Protein backbone atom coordinates (compact mmCIF):
# COMPACT_ATOMS: atom_id res chain seq x y z
CA UNK A 1 -89.22 82.21 44.84
CA UNK A 2 -90.28 83.13 41.33
CA UNK A 3 -93.63 85.05 41.09
CA UNK A 4 -96.24 84.90 37.83
CA UNK A 5 -98.24 81.84 37.71
CA UNK A 6 -95.62 79.01 36.60
CA UNK A 7 -95.45 75.87 38.83
CA UNK A 8 -93.13 75.60 42.13
CA UNK A 9 -90.17 72.92 41.62
CA UNK A 10 -90.19 69.99 43.47
CA UNK A 11 -87.43 69.87 45.77
CA UNK A 12 -85.92 66.16 47.00
CA UNK A 13 -84.70 66.20 50.61
CA UNK A 14 -81.36 64.27 51.03
CA UNK A 15 -82.06 61.66 52.29
CA UNK A 16 -85.19 61.01 50.21
CA UNK A 17 -81.98 61.25 46.63
CA UNK A 18 -80.27 58.19 48.52
CA UNK A 19 -83.12 56.11 48.97
CA UNK A 20 -82.82 54.36 45.99
CA UNK A 21 -79.32 53.55 45.78
CA UNK A 22 -78.79 52.91 49.24
CA UNK A 23 -81.55 50.41 49.08
CA UNK A 24 -79.79 48.33 45.76
CA UNK A 25 -77.06 48.33 47.75
CA UNK A 26 -78.28 47.43 49.92
CA UNK A 27 -79.47 43.86 48.50
CA UNK A 28 -76.31 43.47 46.56
CA UNK A 29 -74.74 43.07 49.49
CA UNK A 30 -77.24 40.53 50.74
CA UNK A 31 -77.02 38.71 47.37
CA UNK A 32 -73.18 39.08 47.93
CA UNK A 33 -73.64 37.23 51.62
CA UNK A 34 -75.49 34.99 50.37
CA UNK A 35 -73.85 33.80 47.53
CA UNK A 36 -70.28 33.54 49.85
CA UNK A 37 -72.69 31.67 52.58
CA UNK A 38 -73.16 28.79 49.56
CA UNK A 39 -69.67 28.55 48.39
CA UNK A 40 -68.47 28.73 51.76
CA UNK A 41 -71.52 24.95 52.35
CA UNK A 42 -70.64 23.86 49.07
CA UNK A 43 -66.62 24.05 49.95
CA UNK A 44 -67.02 22.61 53.36
CA UNK A 45 -69.10 19.98 52.17
CA UNK A 46 -66.73 18.74 49.36
CA UNK A 47 -64.01 19.12 51.72
CA UNK A 48 -65.71 16.70 53.88
CA UNK A 49 -66.42 14.40 51.00
CA UNK A 50 -62.93 14.68 49.97
CA UNK A 51 -62.13 13.73 53.42
CA UNK A 52 -64.45 10.34 53.61
CA UNK A 53 -63.41 9.14 50.21
CA UNK A 54 -59.61 9.63 51.51
CA UNK A 55 -60.53 7.71 54.62
CA UNK A 56 -62.64 5.26 52.68
CA UNK A 57 -59.24 4.08 50.15
CA UNK A 58 -57.35 4.85 53.32
CA UNK A 59 -59.28 1.42 54.56
CA UNK A 60 -59.28 0.55 51.82
CA UNK A 61 -55.43 -0.46 51.17
CA UNK A 62 -55.68 -1.81 54.43
CA UNK A 63 -58.17 -4.40 53.90
CA UNK A 64 -55.99 -5.51 51.06
CA UNK A 65 -52.83 -5.08 53.16
CA UNK A 66 -54.44 -7.72 56.16
CA UNK A 67 -55.55 -9.49 53.30
CA UNK A 68 -52.35 -10.29 51.58
CA UNK A 69 -50.65 -11.30 55.44
CA UNK A 70 -53.28 -14.10 55.72
CA UNK A 71 -51.83 -15.41 52.08
CA UNK A 72 -49.10 -17.01 53.38
CA UNK A 73 -48.68 -18.18 56.75
CA UNK A 74 -51.16 -21.20 56.20
CA UNK A 75 -48.26 -22.73 53.89
CA UNK A 76 -44.83 -21.87 55.29
CA UNK A 77 -45.28 -21.75 58.89
CA UNK A 78 -46.29 -26.23 58.02
CA UNK A 79 -43.20 -26.12 56.20
CA UNK A 80 -40.97 -25.37 59.88
CA UNK A 81 -42.60 -28.21 61.32
CA UNK A 82 -42.55 -30.96 58.78
CA UNK A 83 -40.14 -32.81 61.37
CA UNK A 84 -42.53 -32.09 64.11
CA UNK A 85 -45.69 -33.49 62.45
CA UNK A 86 -43.67 -36.20 60.82
CA UNK A 87 -42.37 -37.35 64.18
CA UNK A 88 -45.81 -36.81 66.65
CA UNK A 89 -48.42 -38.31 63.52
CA UNK A 90 -46.10 -41.03 62.21
CA UNK A 91 -46.54 -40.06 58.67
CA UNK A 92 -44.43 -41.24 55.84
CA UNK A 93 -42.37 -39.33 53.03
CA UNK A 94 -45.84 -39.65 50.84
CA UNK A 95 -48.06 -38.38 53.03
CA UNK A 96 -45.86 -35.33 53.60
CA UNK A 97 -45.58 -34.74 50.02
CA UNK A 98 -49.51 -34.71 50.43
CA UNK A 99 -49.74 -32.59 53.10
CA UNK A 100 -47.07 -30.09 51.21
CA UNK A 101 -48.67 -30.23 48.14
CA UNK A 102 -53.05 -30.52 49.07
CA UNK A 103 -52.71 -26.37 49.49
CA UNK A 104 -51.47 -26.36 45.83
CA UNK A 105 -53.53 -27.92 44.41
CA UNK A 106 -56.19 -26.52 45.84
CA UNK A 107 -54.91 -22.74 44.17
CA UNK A 108 -55.89 -24.10 41.47
CA UNK A 109 -59.31 -26.29 42.01
CA UNK A 110 -60.66 -24.14 43.66
CA UNK A 111 -59.45 -20.66 41.92
CA UNK A 112 -61.66 -20.77 39.06
CA UNK A 113 -64.76 -20.48 41.53
CA UNK A 114 -64.27 -17.42 43.31
CA UNK A 115 -65.11 -14.68 40.23
CA UNK A 116 -68.31 -16.29 39.97
CA UNK A 117 -69.22 -16.43 44.14
CA UNK A 118 -67.79 -12.96 43.83
CA UNK A 119 -70.27 -11.93 40.43
CA UNK A 120 -73.25 -13.45 43.42
CA UNK A 121 -72.18 -11.81 46.37
CA UNK A 122 -69.73 -9.27 45.75
CA UNK A 123 -65.91 -8.53 46.08
CA UNK A 124 -65.87 -7.66 49.01
CA UNK A 125 -68.27 -10.61 50.63
CA UNK A 126 -66.81 -12.66 48.68
CA UNK A 127 -63.04 -11.86 50.73
CA UNK A 128 -64.39 -11.90 54.36
CA UNK A 129 -66.45 -14.88 53.74
CA UNK A 130 -62.89 -16.62 52.39
CA UNK A 131 -61.07 -15.62 55.23
CA UNK A 132 -63.78 -16.40 57.92
CA UNK A 133 -62.82 -20.08 56.12
CA UNK A 134 -59.38 -19.37 56.31
CA UNK A 135 -59.80 -18.40 59.78
CA UNK A 136 -61.86 -21.70 60.78
CA UNK A 137 -59.36 -24.17 58.66
CA UNK A 138 -56.43 -22.65 60.19
CA UNK A 139 -57.85 -23.13 63.59
CA UNK A 140 -58.64 -26.59 63.16
CA UNK A 141 -54.95 -27.91 62.77
CA UNK A 142 -55.00 -26.94 66.92
CA UNK A 143 -56.22 -30.76 66.59
CA UNK A 144 -53.08 -33.19 67.14
CA UNK A 145 -54.47 -35.85 64.77
CA UNK A 146 -54.18 -36.83 61.20
CA UNK A 147 -57.57 -35.81 60.06
CA UNK A 148 -57.72 -31.94 61.46
CA UNK A 149 -54.44 -31.51 60.23
CA UNK A 150 -55.12 -31.97 56.43
CA UNK A 151 -58.73 -31.29 56.70
CA UNK A 152 -58.06 -27.56 57.82
CA UNK A 153 -55.24 -27.42 55.20
CA UNK A 154 -58.06 -28.05 52.54
CA UNK A 155 -60.28 -25.40 53.57
CA UNK A 156 -57.49 -23.34 54.54
CA UNK A 157 -56.27 -24.03 50.94
CA UNK A 158 -59.61 -23.50 49.29
CA UNK A 159 -59.80 -20.14 50.86
CA UNK A 160 -55.94 -19.15 50.27
CA UNK A 161 -56.42 -19.55 45.89
CA UNK A 162 -60.36 -18.03 45.77
CA UNK A 163 -59.14 -15.27 47.36
CA UNK A 164 -55.16 -14.74 45.63
CA UNK A 165 -57.67 -14.72 42.56
CA UNK A 166 -60.14 -11.81 43.91
CA UNK A 167 -57.31 -9.48 45.50
CA UNK A 168 -56.14 -8.61 41.89
CA UNK A 169 -59.28 -8.04 40.67
CA UNK A 170 -60.03 -5.27 43.36
CA UNK A 171 -56.49 -3.55 42.75
CA UNK A 172 -58.17 -3.36 38.82
CA UNK A 173 -60.93 -1.95 39.59
CA UNK A 174 -60.52 0.15 42.68
CA UNK A 175 -57.24 2.20 41.98
CA UNK A 176 -56.42 1.61 37.87
CA UNK A 177 -53.74 4.64 37.99
CA UNK A 178 -51.70 3.31 40.31
CA UNK A 179 -51.33 -0.78 39.41
CA UNK A 180 -48.01 -0.94 39.57
CA UNK A 181 -47.39 0.72 42.54
CA UNK A 182 -50.21 -1.33 44.52
CA UNK A 183 -49.29 -4.73 42.57
CA UNK A 184 -46.13 -3.60 44.37
CA UNK A 185 -47.57 -3.26 47.77
CA UNK A 186 -49.53 -6.32 47.33
CA UNK A 187 -47.22 -8.55 46.64
CA UNK A 188 -44.46 -7.21 49.38
CA UNK A 189 -47.27 -8.47 51.71
CA UNK A 190 -47.56 -10.86 51.17
CA UNK A 191 -43.73 -11.46 51.50
CA UNK A 192 -44.13 -10.46 54.77
CA UNK A 193 -46.64 -12.97 55.64
CA UNK A 194 -44.73 -15.12 54.61
CA UNK A 195 -41.28 -14.72 57.03
CA UNK A 196 -43.06 -13.77 59.63
CA UNK A 197 -44.66 -17.65 59.62
CA UNK A 198 -41.67 -18.58 59.17
CA UNK A 199 -39.46 -17.11 61.25
CA UNK A 200 -42.49 -16.92 64.29
CA UNK A 201 -43.84 -20.35 64.32
CA UNK A 202 -40.55 -22.63 65.44
CA UNK A 203 -40.62 -20.12 68.00
CA UNK A 204 -44.47 -20.30 69.11
CA UNK A 205 -43.41 -23.76 69.00
CA UNK A 206 -40.77 -23.62 71.18
CA UNK A 207 -42.39 -21.48 74.16
CA UNK A 208 -45.95 -22.91 74.06
CA UNK A 209 -44.33 -26.46 73.08
CA UNK A 210 -47.01 -27.67 71.08
CA UNK A 211 -47.09 -27.73 66.78
CA UNK A 212 -50.49 -27.77 66.59
CA UNK A 213 -51.21 -24.90 68.88
CA UNK A 214 -48.30 -23.20 66.90
CA UNK A 215 -49.72 -24.14 63.29
CA UNK A 216 -53.33 -22.74 64.73
CA UNK A 217 -52.13 -19.36 65.79
CA UNK A 218 -52.31 -17.79 63.10
CA UNK A 219 -56.42 -18.31 62.38
CA UNK A 220 -56.34 -15.11 64.34
CA UNK A 221 -55.04 -12.59 61.84
CA UNK A 222 -57.60 -14.47 59.68
CA UNK A 223 -60.19 -13.72 62.09
CA UNK A 224 -59.30 -9.90 62.10
CA UNK A 225 -59.31 -9.97 58.34
CA UNK A 226 -62.73 -11.12 57.97
CA UNK A 227 -64.01 -8.95 60.31
CA UNK A 228 -62.22 -5.98 57.91
CA UNK A 229 -63.68 -6.91 55.28
CA UNK A 230 -67.19 -7.30 56.34
CA UNK A 231 -66.91 -3.74 57.50
CA UNK A 232 -66.07 -2.76 54.11
CA UNK A 233 -68.73 -5.06 52.92
CA UNK A 234 -71.69 -3.17 55.12
CA UNK A 235 -70.55 0.39 53.18
CA UNK A 236 -70.69 -0.76 49.68
CA UNK A 237 -72.71 -2.11 46.78
CA UNK A 238 -71.30 -5.89 45.63
CA UNK A 239 -69.59 -5.13 42.27
CA UNK A 240 -68.91 -7.43 38.70
CA UNK A 241 -72.38 -8.44 38.07
CA UNK A 242 -72.18 -11.87 36.22
CA UNK A 243 -73.36 -10.69 32.93
CA UNK A 244 -70.24 -8.40 32.53
CA UNK A 245 -67.98 -11.34 32.80
CA UNK A 246 -66.64 -12.88 29.39
CA UNK A 247 -67.48 -16.59 28.58
CA UNK A 248 -64.03 -18.71 29.41
CA UNK A 249 -64.12 -20.09 26.58
CA UNK A 250 -62.81 -16.83 24.83
CA UNK A 251 -60.02 -16.60 27.08
CA UNK A 252 -59.01 -20.60 26.67
CA UNK A 253 -58.15 -20.03 23.01
CA UNK A 254 -56.24 -16.83 23.41
CA UNK A 255 -52.61 -17.52 23.40
CA UNK A 256 -50.76 -13.86 25.33
CA UNK A 257 -53.60 -15.77 28.30
CA UNK A 258 -51.77 -19.17 28.04
CA UNK A 259 -48.44 -17.18 28.34
CA UNK A 260 -49.38 -14.99 31.05
CA UNK A 261 -50.79 -18.28 32.84
CA UNK A 262 -47.75 -20.62 32.35
CA UNK A 263 -45.71 -17.87 33.49
CA UNK A 264 -47.57 -17.83 36.61
CA UNK A 265 -47.43 -21.43 36.93
CA UNK A 266 -44.34 -21.98 36.18
CA UNK A 267 -42.59 -19.18 38.77
CA UNK A 268 -45.73 -20.88 41.61
CA UNK A 269 -43.74 -23.62 41.32
CA UNK A 270 -40.32 -22.47 42.26
CA UNK A 271 -42.03 -20.07 44.89
CA UNK A 272 -43.71 -23.55 45.73
CA UNK A 273 -40.58 -25.14 46.06
CA UNK A 274 -38.93 -22.44 48.46
CA UNK A 275 -42.06 -22.49 50.66
CA UNK A 276 -42.64 -25.98 51.14
CA UNK A 277 -39.08 -27.75 51.34
CA UNK A 278 -36.62 -25.08 51.47
CA UNK A 279 -36.20 -25.46 55.38
CA UNK A 280 -36.48 -29.06 55.32
CA UNK A 281 -33.39 -29.30 52.32
CA UNK A 282 -31.89 -26.92 55.34
CA UNK A 283 -32.01 -29.31 57.81
CA UNK A 284 -30.38 -31.85 55.46
CA UNK A 285 -27.56 -30.14 55.13
CA UNK A 286 -27.15 -29.69 58.95
CA UNK A 287 -28.89 -26.46 60.33
CA UNK A 288 -31.57 -27.00 62.94
CA UNK A 289 -35.03 -26.38 62.91
CA UNK A 290 -34.18 -22.70 64.48
CA UNK A 291 -31.43 -21.78 62.16
CA UNK A 292 -33.36 -23.02 58.58
CA UNK A 293 -36.99 -21.42 59.48
CA UNK A 294 -34.36 -18.21 59.83
CA UNK A 295 -32.52 -19.06 56.72
CA UNK A 296 -36.53 -19.30 55.15
CA UNK A 297 -37.81 -16.11 56.96
CA UNK A 298 -34.83 -13.85 55.45
CA UNK A 299 -34.76 -15.26 52.03
CA UNK A 300 -38.94 -14.51 52.20
CA UNK A 301 -38.42 -11.38 53.41
CA UNK A 302 -35.96 -10.07 51.06
CA UNK A 303 -38.83 -10.39 48.54
CA UNK A 304 -40.23 -7.46 50.37
CA UNK A 305 -37.76 -5.41 48.51
CA UNK A 306 -38.67 -6.96 44.90
CA UNK A 307 -41.59 -7.19 44.90
CA UNK A 308 -42.35 -3.12 45.85
CA UNK A 309 -39.69 -2.43 43.61
CA UNK A 310 -40.05 -4.34 40.45
CA UNK A 311 -43.72 -3.91 39.14
CA UNK A 312 -43.32 0.00 39.62
CA UNK A 313 -40.57 -0.18 37.01
CA UNK A 314 -42.01 -2.57 34.56
CA UNK A 315 -45.23 -0.11 34.34
CA UNK A 316 -42.55 2.39 33.74
CA UNK A 317 -40.00 3.20 31.12
CA UNK A 318 -37.97 -0.48 32.40
CA UNK A 319 -38.35 -3.23 30.20
CA UNK A 320 -40.61 -5.33 31.32
CA UNK A 321 -38.25 -8.44 29.42
CA UNK A 322 -34.74 -7.74 31.00
CA UNK A 323 -37.23 -7.55 34.30
CA UNK A 324 -37.80 -11.50 34.00
CA UNK A 325 -34.39 -12.28 33.07
CA UNK A 326 -32.92 -10.68 36.16
CA UNK A 327 -35.41 -11.82 38.52
CA UNK A 328 -34.95 -15.46 37.00
CA UNK A 329 -31.25 -15.71 37.18
CA UNK A 330 -30.83 -14.81 40.95
CA UNK A 331 -33.83 -17.33 41.97
CA UNK A 332 -32.12 -19.64 40.69
CA UNK A 333 -28.67 -19.03 41.64
CA UNK A 334 -29.83 -18.23 45.25
CA UNK A 335 -31.27 -21.73 45.24
CA UNK A 336 -28.34 -23.33 44.10
CA UNK A 337 -26.20 -21.28 46.26
CA UNK A 338 -28.53 -22.64 49.71
CA UNK A 339 -27.71 -25.82 48.62
CA UNK A 340 -24.67 -26.38 47.29
CA UNK A 341 -22.49 -22.95 48.80
CA UNK A 342 -20.94 -23.28 51.80
CA UNK A 343 -23.37 -22.88 54.39
CA UNK A 344 -20.93 -19.69 56.13
CA UNK A 345 -22.61 -18.20 53.07
CA UNK A 346 -26.17 -19.45 53.64
CA UNK A 347 -27.91 -15.82 54.86
CA UNK A 348 -26.24 -14.16 51.44
CA UNK A 349 -27.89 -16.55 49.06
CA UNK A 350 -30.86 -16.37 50.69
CA UNK A 351 -30.86 -12.81 50.12
CA UNK A 352 -30.29 -13.36 46.63
CA UNK A 353 -33.12 -16.11 46.13
CA UNK A 354 -35.33 -12.83 47.87
CA UNK A 355 -35.09 -10.93 45.85
CA UNK A 356 -35.11 -13.04 42.65
CA UNK A 357 -38.20 -14.57 43.71
CA UNK A 358 -39.65 -10.95 44.78
CA UNK A 359 -39.51 -9.77 41.92
CA UNK A 360 -40.81 -13.06 40.31
CA UNK A 361 -44.32 -12.85 41.65
CA UNK A 362 -44.57 -8.79 41.32
CA UNK A 363 -44.86 -9.66 37.43
CA UNK A 364 -46.58 -12.39 37.53
CA UNK A 365 -49.26 -10.68 39.27
CA UNK A 366 -48.81 -7.51 36.98
CA UNK A 367 -48.79 -9.32 33.79
CA UNK A 368 -52.65 -10.28 34.92
CA UNK A 369 -53.75 -6.48 35.06
CA UNK A 370 -51.82 -5.20 33.24
CA UNK A 371 -52.59 -7.49 29.78
CA UNK A 372 -56.72 -7.15 30.89
CA UNK A 373 -58.98 -4.75 28.65
CA UNK A 374 -61.33 -4.47 31.60
CA UNK A 375 -61.60 -5.33 35.58
CA UNK A 376 -63.31 -7.54 34.33
CA UNK A 377 -61.74 -9.87 32.63
CA UNK A 378 -59.17 -9.42 35.12
CA UNK A 379 -60.92 -11.71 36.95
CA UNK A 380 -61.10 -14.22 34.23
CA UNK A 381 -57.59 -13.89 33.42
CA UNK A 382 -56.55 -13.99 37.28
CA UNK A 383 -58.67 -17.11 37.50
CA UNK A 384 -57.69 -19.10 34.85
CA UNK A 385 -53.79 -18.28 35.21
CA UNK A 386 -53.88 -18.83 39.11
CA UNK A 387 -56.15 -21.92 38.66
CA UNK A 388 -54.21 -23.91 35.46
CA UNK A 389 -51.04 -22.42 36.52
CA UNK A 390 -51.42 -23.69 39.78
CA UNK A 391 -52.77 -26.78 39.56
CA UNK A 392 -49.20 -27.75 37.53
CA UNK A 393 -47.44 -25.80 40.15
CA UNK A 394 -48.14 -28.17 42.42
CA UNK A 395 -46.68 -30.81 41.39
CA UNK A 396 -43.30 -29.43 42.10
CA UNK A 397 -43.49 -29.76 45.38
CA UNK A 398 -44.83 -33.67 45.36
CA UNK A 399 -42.30 -34.59 43.36
CA UNK A 400 -39.71 -32.70 45.73
CA UNK A 401 -40.73 -34.73 47.90
CA UNK A 402 -40.78 -38.02 45.52
CA UNK A 403 -36.69 -37.14 44.35
CA UNK A 404 -35.33 -36.68 48.33
CA UNK A 405 -36.05 -39.45 48.61
CA UNK A 406 -33.07 -40.91 45.95
CA UNK A 407 -29.69 -41.54 47.02
CA UNK A 408 -28.68 -37.37 46.09
CA UNK A 409 -31.42 -35.62 48.15
CA UNK A 410 -30.27 -32.24 46.23
CA UNK A 411 -29.18 -33.26 42.84
CA UNK A 412 -32.82 -34.15 42.42
CA UNK A 413 -34.39 -30.80 43.30
CA UNK A 414 -31.64 -28.68 41.62
CA UNK A 415 -31.83 -29.89 38.15
CA UNK A 416 -36.10 -29.73 38.71
CA UNK A 417 -35.37 -25.25 39.54
CA UNK A 418 -33.21 -25.22 36.77
CA UNK A 419 -35.55 -27.01 34.18
CA UNK A 420 -38.37 -24.92 35.64
CA UNK A 421 -35.88 -22.18 35.28
CA UNK A 422 -35.79 -22.29 31.92
CA UNK A 423 -39.35 -22.82 31.03
CA UNK A 424 -40.85 -19.70 33.02
CA UNK A 425 -37.93 -17.35 31.19
CA UNK A 426 -38.93 -18.58 28.01
CA UNK A 427 -43.31 -17.89 29.14
CA UNK A 428 -42.21 -14.55 30.85
CA UNK A 429 -40.93 -13.25 27.82
CA UNK A 430 -43.96 -13.87 26.17
CA UNK A 431 -46.13 -12.65 28.58
CA UNK A 432 -44.22 -9.27 28.74
CA UNK A 433 -45.29 -8.47 25.26
CA UNK A 434 -47.01 -4.94 25.30
CA UNK A 435 -51.22 -6.09 24.53
CA UNK A 436 -54.14 -7.79 25.11
CA UNK A 437 -56.10 -10.22 25.94
CA UNK A 438 -59.44 -10.34 24.66
CA UNK A 439 -58.83 -6.93 23.27
CA UNK A 440 -62.08 -6.38 21.46
CA UNK A 441 -63.12 -6.14 25.16
CA UNK A 442 -60.68 -2.94 25.66
CA UNK A 443 -62.77 0.11 27.75
CA UNK A 444 -61.11 3.39 26.25
């Protein structure tokens, strides 16, 4: 110790010297732990949210698939039972023509109502209600009386017509980055539904010995679809308000809108000739009911390949105009082959016909989405193209019923298909032009 009057130095113990740094390190550790826990919680929340969104997207895709399955059995199931219906109910050729034409007329008459109905209820609720109406209409055909058959067909056709207008809107709004692939999936499932009904309805009729129950059995699928869409509507707010819909008068003055409409209607005319009359024309050539149904099923089922592939190709580097020409050529050649080529090659020509029609319908739906600058315009263009288009297409199966009653029951339908193919080519080349309907409403 120093001598004299100087003050003694203050010595810190080792514990006192390290107290402040230690406390600081503890505080930093606690802060880092808190941040780490917060990041972990945020990551778990994000993963949970991503998982929920993925499940919702998957459920939406499932709803679209089930709805698409329901849009063709009402037509193709009836086509395979024309002879049985005519014999059982004593209907003449004109009434059979009315029966096969009625669904297409409903597509055109009720299609324009769909956008406004969805504006009030929302897309999901409207589709759920329409599928329930479809189930009721199909179930009504279980009664073996003419009134029930025609009333059920009317209700089913109206429901299908409106649902067919709204489903492309669902694809345009929910999958804007995958319009081509989702449109392809949608059209592929449409083909599967039509082919299933054409092939299975004769089998069901043979098992139950009742054409009425065979036709009504497809109501179960529509009821299941209605439940799924009702569940989807319960977890989401209604979409597309009335104020956001463009005026219809603007659309009818747009040339491109009319090109899309003409292409939709003309390809629908070809499709409804096949759906409504191909089994009967094949039976006229000597095939029995089951064989004619199988050939029709092969044709419709083969549509799945091009229905999925062609829309995807058209949204990439393949020329949409080239695809229009190719699918129309295959459609015309396949139909003529089934009418005039040896019956031994019928499956080959059914395959060619189906490949053409699958791509044709896929392009028609794709043009509705690609030529629309927004989901709201898609709703209106879908309504216009499927209403005016299907009204014109409804004349085709009725005309076949009249032409078939002439001396040569194959020549009239053959000439009609060739003329429709030429007109459809002209409209398709115009609809394939890279432009927008009502371009001033485009949302960048």
